[in-house]
Amino acid sequence: MEEIIFVTHNKGKIASAKKFLKDVNFQIFEYELDEPRSDDIMYISKVKVMEAYKLVNKPCISIDCGFFIDELNGFPRAFVNFTLDTIGLTGILKLMEGKENRCCRFKECLSYYDGEEFKQFVGTHEGDLAKSISGNNGKEKWSDLWYIFIPQNSSKTLAEMTEEEKALRNKNDNSNHTMKLFADWYKESYLK
């Protein structure tokens, strides 16, 4: 089985990959890839996986994620890091003061490239925006947004959930986890 390289420096993404890609031979190459200025997560993920492939010359995956708040016309979209660095969680919550519609979602795109085949997997995780910052750090935390994101069918932020609650949520969740979609496709395509 050929090794797949996941080029990332995000500790939460690494922890998630270890959970979802158990049956895939993958290695982590910790490196911060350049991120193009765009609000299209599929485009960003594609550019990053192509850069990763040039860097390691082996099959690679790259994930990009955006956060979309309905009441704010989708803000901050793919500009999550910039938003967190500038206005932070407090600023996001300030923008939402007095707003009834708190629907939001994470959208993620995992891109795979092996030098010939290019494939993308897209997932969405629906939820609501909390009214305050709440929770603790966890090893799977991809983003500080976990402190204000309440997944669908839950009353707790991701950061408030125990590992058991997250595992149960993942098992019963109707969302598409891109790493799981990728692992299922890869096993079906290459590990028969």
N, C-alpha and C. Protein backbone atom coordinates (compact mmCIF):
# COMPACT_ATOMS: atom_id res chain seq x y z
N MET A 1 0.85 -1.18 0.00
CA MET A 1 0.00 0.00 0.00
C MET A 1 0.89 1.24 0.00
N GLU A 2 0.61 2.14 -0.92
CA GLU A 2 1.40 3.35 -1.04
C GLU A 2 1.09 4.30 0.11
N GLU A 3 2.13 4.97 0.56
CA GLU A 3 2.00 5.92 1.66
C GLU A 3 1.40 7.24 1.15
N ILE A 4 0.51 7.81 1.94
CA ILE A 4 -0.08 9.11 1.64
C ILE A 4 0.46 10.10 2.67
N ILE A 5 0.82 11.27 2.20
CA ILE A 5 1.37 12.29 3.08
C ILE A 5 0.31 13.36 3.33
N PHE A 6 0.10 13.66 4.60
CA PHE A 6 -0.81 14.73 5.00
C PHE A 6 0.08 15.89 5.45
N VAL A 7 0.13 16.93 4.62
CA VAL A 7 0.99 18.08 4.91
C VAL A 7 0.14 19.11 5.66
N THR A 8 0.43 19.26 6.95
CA THR A 8 -0.30 20.22 7.78
C THR A 8 0.52 20.50 9.04
N HIS A 9 0.23 21.60 9.68
CA HIS A 9 0.82 21.89 10.99
C HIS A 9 -0.28 21.98 12.05
N ASN A 10 -1.53 21.76 11.65
CA ASN A 10 -2.67 21.89 12.55
C ASN A 10 -2.82 20.62 13.39
N LYS A 11 -2.58 20.74 14.68
CA LYS A 11 -2.61 19.58 15.60
C LYS A 11 -3.99 18.92 15.64
N GLY A 12 -5.05 19.71 15.55
CA GLY A 12 -6.40 19.15 15.56
C GLY A 12 -6.66 18.31 14.32
N LYS A 13 -6.21 18.79 13.16
CA LYS A 13 -6.38 18.02 11.93
C LYS A 13 -5.57 16.72 11.98
N ILE A 14 -4.40 16.79 12.60
CA ILE A 14 -3.56 15.59 12.74
C ILE A 14 -4.28 14.56 13.62
N ALA A 15 -4.83 15.00 14.74
CA ALA A 15 -5.55 14.09 15.64
C ALA A 15 -6.76 13.48 14.93
N SER A 16 -7.48 14.30 14.17
CA SER A 16 -8.65 13.81 13.44
C SER A 16 -8.23 12.79 12.37
N ALA A 17 -7.13 13.06 11.68
CA ALA A 17 -6.65 12.13 10.66
C ALA A 17 -6.30 10.79 11.28
N LYS A 18 -5.67 10.81 12.44
CA LYS A 18 -5.29 9.55 13.11
C LYS A 18 -6.53 8.73 13.46
N LYS A 19 -7.63 9.42 13.75
CA LYS A 19 -8.87 8.72 14.10
C LYS A 19 -9.57 8.16 12.85
N PHE A 20 -9.71 8.99 11.82
CA PHE A 20 -10.48 8.59 10.65
C PHE A 20 -9.69 7.79 9.61
N LEU A 21 -8.38 7.92 9.59
CA LEU A 21 -7.58 7.26 8.55
C LEU A 21 -6.80 6.06 9.10
N LYS A 22 -7.38 5.39 10.08
CA LYS A 22 -6.71 4.24 10.70
C LYS A 22 -6.29 3.17 9.69
N ASP A 23 -7.11 2.93 8.69
CA ASP A 23 -6.85 1.86 7.73
C ASP A 23 -6.07 2.32 6.51
N VAL A 24 -5.61 3.57 6.52
CA VAL A 24 -4.86 4.12 5.39
C VAL A 24 -3.42 4.36 5.86
N ASN A 25 -2.46 3.95 5.03
CA ASN A 25 -1.05 4.17 5.36
C ASN A 25 -0.70 5.63 5.09
N PHE A 26 -0.72 6.45 6.14
CA PHE A 26 -0.43 7.86 5.94
C PHE A 26 0.61 8.34 6.95
N GLN A 27 1.32 9.37 6.56
CA GLN A 27 2.31 10.01 7.41
C GLN A 27 2.03 11.51 7.44
N ILE A 28 2.41 12.12 8.52
CA ILE A 28 2.26 13.56 8.67
C ILE A 28 3.58 14.23 8.32
N PHE A 29 3.50 15.27 7.51
CA PHE A 29 4.64 16.12 7.24
C PHE A 29 4.23 17.50 7.72
N GLU A 30 4.78 17.91 8.87
CA GLU A 30 4.36 19.18 9.47
C GLU A 30 5.02 20.34 8.74
N TYR A 31 4.18 21.09 8.06
CA TYR A 31 4.65 22.19 7.25
C TYR A 31 3.47 23.12 7.01
N GLU A 32 3.71 24.41 7.03
CA GLU A 32 2.62 25.35 6.77
C GLU A 32 2.62 25.72 5.29
N LEU A 33 1.61 25.22 4.59
CA LEU A 33 1.47 25.49 3.17
C LEU A 33 0.97 26.92 2.94
N ASP A 34 1.36 27.50 1.81
CA ASP A 34 0.82 28.81 1.44
C ASP A 34 -0.67 28.67 1.17
N GLU A 35 -1.42 29.68 1.58
CA GLU A 35 -2.86 29.64 1.35
C GLU A 35 -3.26 30.80 0.45
N PRO A 36 -3.81 30.48 -0.73
CA PRO A 36 -4.22 31.56 -1.63
C PRO A 36 -5.36 32.37 -1.03
N ARG A 37 -5.46 33.63 -1.40
CA ARG A 37 -6.54 34.49 -0.94
C ARG A 37 -7.77 34.20 -1.79
N SER A 38 -8.70 33.50 -1.20
CA SER A 38 -9.94 33.13 -1.88
C SER A 38 -10.95 32.74 -0.81
N ASP A 39 -12.24 32.85 -1.12
CA ASP A 39 -13.23 32.33 -0.18
C ASP A 39 -13.81 31.01 -0.66
N ASP A 40 -13.15 30.39 -1.63
CA ASP A 40 -13.54 29.09 -2.19
C ASP A 40 -12.67 28.00 -1.59
N ILE A 41 -13.23 27.25 -0.62
CA ILE A 41 -12.42 26.24 0.07
C ILE A 41 -11.95 25.12 -0.86
N MET A 42 -12.72 24.82 -1.91
CA MET A 42 -12.30 23.78 -2.85
C MET A 42 -11.07 24.24 -3.63
N TYR A 43 -11.05 25.48 -4.04
CA TYR A 43 -9.90 26.03 -4.74
C TYR A 43 -8.67 26.06 -3.83
N ILE A 44 -8.85 26.54 -2.60
CA ILE A 44 -7.74 26.62 -1.65
C ILE A 44 -7.17 25.23 -1.39
N SER A 45 -8.03 24.25 -1.16
CA SER A 45 -7.59 22.88 -0.90
C SER A 45 -6.82 22.32 -2.09
N LYS A 46 -7.29 22.61 -3.29
CA LYS A 46 -6.62 22.13 -4.50
C LYS A 46 -5.22 22.73 -4.63
N VAL A 47 -5.12 24.03 -4.46
CA VAL A 47 -3.81 24.69 -4.56
C VAL A 47 -2.85 24.13 -3.51
N LYS A 48 -3.36 23.92 -2.30
CA LYS A 48 -2.50 23.42 -1.22
C LYS A 48 -2.03 21.98 -1.47
N VAL A 49 -2.91 21.12 -2.01
CA VAL A 49 -2.48 19.74 -2.25
C VAL A 49 -1.47 19.68 -3.40
N MET A 50 -1.63 20.55 -4.37
CA MET A 50 -0.65 20.60 -5.47
C MET A 50 0.71 21.07 -4.95
N GLU A 51 0.70 22.06 -4.06
CA GLU A 51 1.95 22.53 -3.45
C GLU A 51 2.56 21.41 -2.59
N ALA A 52 1.72 20.71 -1.84
CA ALA A 52 2.20 19.61 -1.00
C ALA A 52 2.85 18.53 -1.85
N TYR A 53 2.23 18.19 -2.98
CA TYR A 53 2.79 17.15 -3.85
C TYR A 53 4.17 17.57 -4.38
N LYS A 54 4.31 18.82 -4.77
CA LYS A 54 5.61 19.32 -5.25
C LYS A 54 6.66 19.23 -4.15
N LEU A 55 6.24 19.41 -2.92
CA LEU A 55 7.13 19.40 -1.77
C LEU A 55 7.64 18.00 -1.44
N VAL A 56 6.76 16.99 -1.46
CA VAL A 56 7.14 15.64 -1.03
C VAL A 56 7.20 14.61 -2.15
N ASN A 57 6.61 14.94 -3.30
CA ASN A 57 6.60 14.05 -4.47
C ASN A 57 6.03 12.66 -4.17
N LYS A 58 4.99 12.63 -3.36
CA LYS A 58 4.27 11.41 -3.01
C LYS A 58 2.79 11.76 -2.96
N PRO A 59 1.91 10.76 -3.02
CA PRO A 59 0.47 11.05 -2.89
C PRO A 59 0.19 11.86 -1.62
N CYS A 60 -0.63 12.90 -1.75
CA CYS A 60 -0.87 13.83 -0.65
C CYS A 60 -2.36 14.09 -0.46
N ILE A 61 -2.68 14.51 0.76
CA ILE A 61 -4.00 15.07 1.03
C ILE A 61 -3.82 16.43 1.69
N SER A 62 -4.80 17.28 1.47
CA SER A 62 -4.84 18.59 2.11
C SER A 62 -6.29 18.90 2.43
N ILE A 63 -6.51 19.56 3.56
CA ILE A 63 -7.87 19.91 3.97
C ILE A 63 -7.94 21.42 4.17
N ASP A 64 -9.01 22.00 3.66
CA ASP A 64 -9.29 23.39 3.98
C ASP A 64 -10.71 23.48 4.50
N CYS A 65 -10.92 24.39 5.42
CA CYS A 65 -12.22 24.49 6.08
C CYS A 65 -12.65 25.95 6.13
N GLY A 66 -13.93 26.17 6.00
CA GLY A 66 -14.50 27.50 6.15
C GLY A 66 -15.63 27.46 7.17
N PHE A 67 -15.99 28.62 7.67
CA PHE A 67 -17.06 28.73 8.65
C PHE A 67 -18.05 29.77 8.13
N PHE A 68 -19.32 29.40 8.08
CA PHE A 68 -20.34 30.22 7.42
C PHE A 68 -21.48 30.51 8.39
N ILE A 69 -21.73 31.79 8.64
CA ILE A 69 -22.80 32.22 9.53
C ILE A 69 -23.90 32.83 8.67
N ASP A 70 -25.07 32.21 8.69
CA ASP A 70 -26.17 32.65 7.81
C ASP A 70 -26.51 34.13 7.99
N GLU A 71 -26.67 34.57 9.23
CA GLU A 71 -27.10 35.94 9.52
C GLU A 71 -26.09 36.98 9.04
N LEU A 72 -24.85 36.57 8.84
CA LEU A 72 -23.79 37.49 8.40
C LEU A 72 -23.42 37.24 6.94
N ASN A 73 -24.41 36.77 6.16
CA ASN A 73 -24.20 36.50 4.72
C ASN A 73 -23.02 35.56 4.47
N GLY A 74 -22.84 34.60 5.36
CA GLY A 74 -21.79 33.61 5.18
C GLY A 74 -20.45 33.97 5.80
N PHE A 75 -20.29 35.19 6.30
CA PHE A 75 -19.04 35.59 6.96
C PHE A 75 -18.72 34.62 8.08
N PRO A 76 -17.48 34.24 8.28
CA PRO A 76 -16.23 34.68 7.65
C PRO A 76 -15.77 33.83 6.46
N ARG A 77 -16.57 32.84 6.06
CA ARG A 77 -16.24 31.95 4.93
C ARG A 77 -14.86 31.32 5.15
N ALA A 78 -14.01 31.39 4.14
CA ALA A 78 -12.68 30.77 4.23
C ALA A 78 -11.68 31.64 4.98
N PHE A 79 -12.11 32.83 5.39
CA PHE A 79 -11.19 33.75 6.06
C PHE A 79 -11.25 33.59 7.58
N VAL A 80 -11.31 32.36 8.05
CA VAL A 80 -11.43 32.06 9.47
C VAL A 80 -10.21 32.56 10.25
N ASN A 81 -9.02 32.20 9.81
CA ASN A 81 -7.82 32.58 10.57
C ASN A 81 -7.67 34.10 10.65
N PHE A 82 -7.92 34.78 9.53
CA PHE A 82 -7.84 36.24 9.53
C PHE A 82 -8.86 36.82 10.52
N THR A 83 -10.07 36.29 10.49
CA THR A 83 -11.13 36.77 11.38
C THR A 83 -10.76 36.55 12.84
N LEU A 84 -10.25 35.35 13.14
CA LEU A 84 -9.87 35.06 14.53
C LEU A 84 -8.70 35.93 14.97
N ASP A 85 -7.76 36.21 14.05
CA ASP A 85 -6.60 37.06 14.39
C ASP A 85 -6.98 38.53 14.56
N THR A 86 -8.05 38.95 13.94
CA THR A 86 -8.42 40.38 14.00
C THR A 86 -9.52 40.65 15.02
N ILE A 87 -10.72 40.14 14.79
CA ILE A 87 -11.82 40.44 15.73
C ILE A 87 -12.02 39.33 16.78
N GLY A 88 -11.50 38.14 16.50
CA GLY A 88 -11.60 37.05 17.47
C GLY A 88 -13.01 36.55 17.70
N LEU A 89 -13.12 35.61 18.61
CA LEU A 89 -14.43 35.05 18.95
C LEU A 89 -15.35 36.12 19.54
N THR A 90 -14.77 36.99 20.35
CA THR A 90 -15.56 38.06 20.97
C THR A 90 -16.17 38.97 19.91
N GLY A 91 -15.39 39.27 18.87
CA GLY A 91 -15.89 40.12 17.79
C GLY A 91 -17.00 39.44 17.00
N ILE A 92 -16.85 38.15 16.76
CA ILE A 92 -17.90 37.41 16.05
C ILE A 92 -19.20 37.45 16.86
N LEU A 93 -19.08 37.17 18.17
CA LEU A 93 -20.27 37.19 19.02
C LEU A 93 -20.87 38.60 19.11
N LYS A 94 -20.03 39.63 19.08
CA LYS A 94 -20.53 41.01 19.10
C LYS A 94 -21.35 41.30 17.83
N LEU A 95 -20.88 40.81 16.68
CA LEU A 95 -21.62 41.00 15.43
C LEU A 95 -22.99 40.31 15.48
N MET A 96 -23.09 39.27 16.31
CA MET A 96 -24.33 38.49 16.38
C MET A 96 -25.25 38.91 17.52
N GLU A 97 -24.88 39.95 18.27
CA GLU A 97 -25.73 40.40 19.38
C GLU A 97 -27.12 40.75 18.87
N GLY A 98 -28.13 40.22 19.55
CA GLY A 98 -29.52 40.52 19.20
C GLY A 98 -30.05 39.76 18.00
N LYS A 99 -29.25 38.93 17.39
CA LYS A 99 -29.68 38.18 16.21
C LYS A 99 -30.33 36.87 16.64
N GLU A 100 -31.51 36.60 16.09
CA GLU A 100 -32.23 35.36 16.40
C GLU A 100 -31.69 34.18 15.60
N ASN A 101 -31.43 34.40 14.31
CA ASN A 101 -30.95 33.31 13.45
C ASN A 101 -29.48 33.06 13.74
N ARG A 102 -29.18 31.96 14.40
CA ARG A 102 -27.80 31.65 14.78
C ARG A 102 -27.27 30.44 14.00
N CYS A 103 -27.96 30.09 12.90
CA CYS A 103 -27.53 28.96 12.08
C CYS A 103 -26.15 29.23 11.47
N CYS A 104 -25.31 28.21 11.52
CA CYS A 104 -23.97 28.32 10.95
C CYS A 104 -23.50 26.92 10.59
N ARG A 105 -22.38 26.87 9.92
CA ARG A 105 -21.86 25.56 9.53
C ARG A 105 -20.38 25.65 9.23
N PHE A 106 -19.71 24.53 9.46
CA PHE A 106 -18.36 24.32 8.96
C PHE A 106 -18.51 23.63 7.61
N LYS A 107 -17.76 24.07 6.62
CA LYS A 107 -17.66 23.35 5.36
C LYS A 107 -16.19 23.01 5.19
N GLU A 108 -15.93 21.78 4.76
CA GLU A 108 -14.55 21.36 4.60
C GLU A 108 -14.36 20.66 3.27
N CYS A 109 -13.16 20.75 2.76
CA CYS A 109 -12.82 20.08 1.51
C CYS A 109 -11.48 19.40 1.68
N LEU A 110 -11.45 18.10 1.45
CA LEU A 110 -10.22 17.33 1.44
C LEU A 110 -9.87 17.05 -0.01
N SER A 111 -8.65 17.39 -0.40
CA SER A 111 -8.16 17.12 -1.76
C SER A 111 -7.08 16.06 -1.70
N TYR A 112 -7.13 15.16 -2.68
CA TYR A 112 -6.12 14.10 -2.83
C TYR A 112 -5.46 14.28 -4.18
N TYR A 113 -4.14 14.14 -4.21
CA TYR A 113 -3.42 14.21 -5.48
C TYR A 113 -2.21 13.29 -5.40
N ASP A 114 -2.06 12.45 -6.43
CA ASP A 114 -0.93 11.51 -6.45
C ASP A 114 0.00 11.74 -7.64
N GLY A 115 -0.10 12.90 -8.26
CA GLY A 115 0.71 13.20 -9.43
C GLY A 115 -0.06 12.98 -10.72
N GLU A 116 -1.12 12.17 -10.64
CA GLU A 116 -1.99 11.92 -11.80
C GLU A 116 -3.45 12.12 -11.44
N GLU A 117 -3.90 11.40 -10.43
CA GLU A 117 -5.31 11.48 -10.05
C GLU A 117 -5.53 12.59 -9.02
N PHE A 118 -6.56 13.39 -9.27
CA PHE A 118 -6.96 14.45 -8.36
C PHE A 118 -8.41 14.20 -7.98
N LYS A 119 -8.70 14.23 -6.69
CA LYS A 119 -10.06 13.95 -6.22
C LYS A 119 -10.34 14.85 -5.02
N GLN A 120 -11.59 15.31 -4.91
CA GLN A 120 -11.99 16.15 -3.78
C GLN A 120 -13.21 15.56 -3.07
N PHE A 121 -13.25 15.77 -1.77
CA PHE A 121 -14.34 15.30 -0.91
C PHE A 121 -14.80 16.50 -0.09
N VAL A 122 -16.11 16.76 -0.08
CA VAL A 122 -16.65 17.93 0.60
C VAL A 122 -17.60 17.49 1.70
N GLY A 123 -17.49 18.14 2.84
CA GLY A 123 -18.37 17.84 3.96
C GLY A 123 -18.91 19.11 4.58
N THR A 124 -20.06 18.99 5.22
CA THR A 124 -20.70 20.11 5.89
C THR A 124 -21.14 19.66 7.27
N HIS A 125 -20.93 20.51 8.26
CA HIS A 125 -21.33 20.23 9.64
C HIS A 125 -22.20 21.38 10.11
N GLU A 126 -23.50 21.13 10.19
CA GLU A 126 -24.49 22.16 10.55
C GLU A 126 -24.53 22.36 12.06
N GLY A 127 -24.90 23.57 12.45
CA GLY A 127 -25.04 23.86 13.87
C GLY A 127 -25.57 25.26 14.10
N ASP A 128 -25.38 25.72 15.33
CA ASP A 128 -25.79 27.05 15.74
C ASP A 128 -24.63 27.73 16.45
N LEU A 129 -24.64 29.05 16.42
CA LEU A 129 -23.63 29.83 17.10
C LEU A 129 -24.06 30.04 18.54
N ALA A 130 -23.17 29.72 19.47
CA ALA A 130 -23.46 29.93 20.89
C ALA A 130 -23.53 31.44 21.17
N LYS A 131 -24.06 31.79 22.32
CA LYS A 131 -24.14 33.20 22.70
C LYS A 131 -22.93 33.63 23.53
N SER A 132 -22.13 32.65 23.96
CA SER A 132 -20.91 32.97 24.72
C SER A 132 -19.84 31.92 24.43
N ILE A 133 -18.63 32.25 24.77
CA ILE A 133 -17.48 31.36 24.57
C ILE A 133 -17.48 30.34 25.70
N SER A 134 -17.39 29.06 25.35
CA SER A 134 -17.47 28.04 26.39
C SER A 134 -16.75 26.76 25.98
N GLY A 135 -16.06 26.15 26.95
CA GLY A 135 -15.43 24.86 26.70
C GLY A 135 -13.96 24.85 27.02
N ASN A 136 -13.36 23.69 26.77
CA ASN A 136 -11.94 23.45 27.06
C ASN A 136 -11.22 23.03 25.80
N ASN A 137 -9.90 23.13 25.84
CA ASN A 137 -9.08 22.64 24.73
C ASN A 137 -9.19 21.13 24.65
N GLY A 138 -9.21 20.62 23.46
CA GLY A 138 -9.20 19.17 23.24
C GLY A 138 -8.17 18.87 22.16
N LYS A 139 -7.69 17.64 22.14
CA LYS A 139 -6.62 17.30 21.19
C LYS A 139 -7.10 17.34 19.74
N GLU A 140 -8.42 17.23 19.51
CA GLU A 140 -8.93 17.25 18.14
C GLU A 140 -9.37 18.64 17.68
N LYS A 141 -9.21 19.65 18.51
CA LYS A 141 -9.68 21.00 18.17
C LYS A 141 -8.90 21.53 16.96
N TRP A 142 -9.63 21.80 15.89
CA TRP A 142 -9.03 22.37 14.69
C TRP A 142 -8.94 23.88 14.79
N SER A 143 -9.88 24.46 15.52
CA SER A 143 -10.04 25.90 15.49
C SER A 143 -10.66 26.39 16.79
N ASP A 144 -10.40 27.63 17.13
CA ASP A 144 -11.04 28.23 18.30
C ASP A 144 -12.55 28.36 18.12
N LEU A 145 -13.03 28.23 16.89
CA LEU A 145 -14.48 28.27 16.65
C LEU A 145 -15.21 27.16 17.41
N TRP A 146 -14.49 26.14 17.82
CA TRP A 146 -15.11 25.06 18.60
C TRP A 146 -15.73 25.59 19.90
N TYR A 147 -15.24 26.75 20.38
CA TYR A 147 -15.77 27.33 21.62
C TYR A 147 -17.13 27.99 21.42
N ILE A 148 -17.51 28.24 20.16
CA ILE A 148 -18.80 28.92 19.92
C ILE A 148 -19.70 28.15 18.96
N PHE A 149 -19.28 26.98 18.50
CA PHE A 149 -20.07 26.18 17.56
C PHE A 149 -20.79 25.07 18.30
N ILE A 150 -22.12 25.09 18.22
CA ILE A 150 -22.96 24.04 18.82
C ILE A 150 -23.46 23.16 17.67
N PRO A 151 -22.98 21.91 17.60
CA PRO A 151 -23.41 21.03 16.51
C PRO A 151 -24.91 20.77 16.54
N GLN A 152 -25.45 20.49 15.38
CA GLN A 152 -26.86 20.14 15.26
C GLN A 152 -27.20 19.02 16.25
N ASN A 153 -28.38 19.09 16.84
CA ASN A 153 -28.87 18.10 17.80
C ASN A 153 -28.04 18.05 19.08
N SER A 154 -27.45 19.16 19.45
CA SER A 154 -26.68 19.25 20.68
C SER A 154 -27.01 20.55 21.39
N SER A 155 -26.70 20.60 22.66
CA SER A 155 -26.87 21.84 23.42
C SER A 155 -25.53 22.36 23.91
N LYS A 156 -24.44 21.67 23.55
CA LYS A 156 -23.10 22.05 23.99
C LYS A 156 -22.24 22.43 22.80
N THR A 157 -21.27 23.33 23.05
CA THR A 157 -20.28 23.62 22.02
C THR A 157 -19.38 22.40 21.85
N LEU A 158 -18.70 22.32 20.71
CA LEU A 158 -17.75 21.22 20.51
C LEU A 158 -16.71 21.19 21.63
N ALA A 159 -16.29 22.37 22.08
CA ALA A 159 -15.28 22.46 23.13
C ALA A 159 -15.80 22.03 24.50
N GLU A 160 -17.12 22.01 24.68
CA GLU A 160 -17.70 21.56 25.96
C GLU A 160 -17.90 20.05 26.00
N MET A 161 -17.96 19.42 24.85
CA MET A 161 -18.26 17.99 24.78
C MET A 161 -17.10 17.13 25.29
N THR A 162 -17.47 16.04 25.96
CA THR A 162 -16.47 15.07 26.36
C THR A 162 -16.06 14.25 25.12
N GLU A 163 -14.99 13.51 25.24
CA GLU A 163 -14.56 12.65 24.13
C GLU A 163 -15.66 11.64 23.78
N GLU A 164 -16.35 11.13 24.80
CA GLU A 164 -17.43 10.17 24.58
C GLU A 164 -18.59 10.82 23.82
N GLU A 165 -18.94 12.05 24.20
CA GLU A 165 -20.02 12.76 23.51
C GLU A 165 -19.66 13.05 22.06
N LYS A 166 -18.39 13.41 21.82
CA LYS A 166 -17.95 13.65 20.43
C LYS A 166 -18.00 12.37 19.63
N ALA A 167 -17.56 11.26 20.23
CA ALA A 167 -17.58 9.97 19.53
C ALA A 167 -19.01 9.57 19.19
N LEU A 168 -19.94 9.74 20.13
CA LEU A 168 -21.35 9.42 19.89
C LEU A 168 -21.92 10.34 18.82
N ARG A 169 -21.56 11.61 18.87
CA ARG A 169 -22.02 12.56 17.86
C ARG A 169 -21.51 12.15 16.48
N ASN A 170 -20.23 11.80 16.39
CA ASN A 170 -19.66 11.38 15.10
C ASN A 170 -20.36 10.14 14.57
N LYS A 171 -20.72 9.24 15.45
CA LYS A 171 -21.38 7.99 15.05
C LYS A 171 -22.78 8.25 14.52
N ASN A 172 -23.50 9.17 15.17
CA ASN A 172 -24.90 9.44 14.82
C ASN A 172 -25.08 10.66 13.92
N ASP A 173 -23.99 11.32 13.62
CA ASP A 173 -24.05 12.57 12.85
C ASP A 173 -24.35 12.29 11.38
N ASN A 174 -25.23 13.07 10.81
CA ASN A 174 -25.52 12.94 9.38
C ASN A 174 -24.57 13.77 8.52
N SER A 175 -23.65 14.49 9.16
CA SER A 175 -22.69 15.29 8.42
C SER A 175 -21.73 14.38 7.67
N ASN A 176 -21.10 14.97 6.67
CA ASN A 176 -20.09 14.24 5.93
C ASN A 176 -18.72 14.62 6.45
N HIS A 177 -18.02 13.66 7.03
CA HIS A 177 -16.64 13.88 7.47
C HIS A 177 -15.74 13.58 6.28
N THR A 178 -15.05 14.60 5.80
CA THR A 178 -14.26 14.41 4.58
C THR A 178 -13.19 13.34 4.73
N MET A 179 -12.60 13.22 5.91
CA MET A 179 -11.57 12.19 6.09
C MET A 179 -12.18 10.80 5.99
N LYS A 180 -13.38 10.64 6.51
CA LYS A 180 -14.04 9.33 6.40
C LYS A 180 -14.43 9.06 4.95
N LEU A 181 -14.98 10.07 4.26
CA LEU A 181 -15.33 9.90 2.85
C LEU A 181 -14.10 9.52 2.04
N PHE A 182 -12.99 10.20 2.31
CA PHE A 182 -11.74 9.90 1.61
C PHE A 182 -11.27 8.49 1.93
N ALA A 183 -11.26 8.12 3.22
CA ALA A 183 -10.77 6.79 3.62
C ALA A 183 -11.61 5.69 2.97
N ASP A 184 -12.93 5.87 2.94
CA ASP A 184 -13.81 4.88 2.31
C ASP A 184 -13.51 4.76 0.82
N TRP A 185 -13.36 5.90 0.14
CA TRP A 185 -13.03 5.89 -1.30
C TRP A 185 -11.68 5.25 -1.55
N TYR A 186 -10.69 5.61 -0.74
CA TYR A 186 -9.33 5.10 -0.94
C TYR A 186 -9.28 3.59 -0.74
N LYS A 187 -9.94 3.11 0.31
CA LYS A 187 -9.97 1.66 0.56
C LYS A 187 -10.65 0.93 -0.58
N GLU A 188 -11.75 1.49 -1.06
CA GLU A 188 -12.49 0.87 -2.17
C GLU A 188 -11.67 0.91 -3.47
N SER A 189 -10.97 1.98 -3.71
CA SER A 189 -10.23 2.17 -4.96
C SER A 189 -8.86 1.49 -4.98
N TYR A 190 -8.19 1.47 -3.83
CA TYR A 190 -6.79 1.03 -3.83
C TYR A 190 -6.47 -0.16 -2.94
N LEU A 191 -7.36 -0.51 -2.04
CA LEU A 191 -7.03 -1.55 -1.07
C LEU A 191 -7.90 -2.79 -1.22
N LYS A 192 -8.39 -3.05 -2.42
CA LYS A 192 -9.25 -4.20 -2.64
C LYS A 192 -8.49 -5.50 -2.46
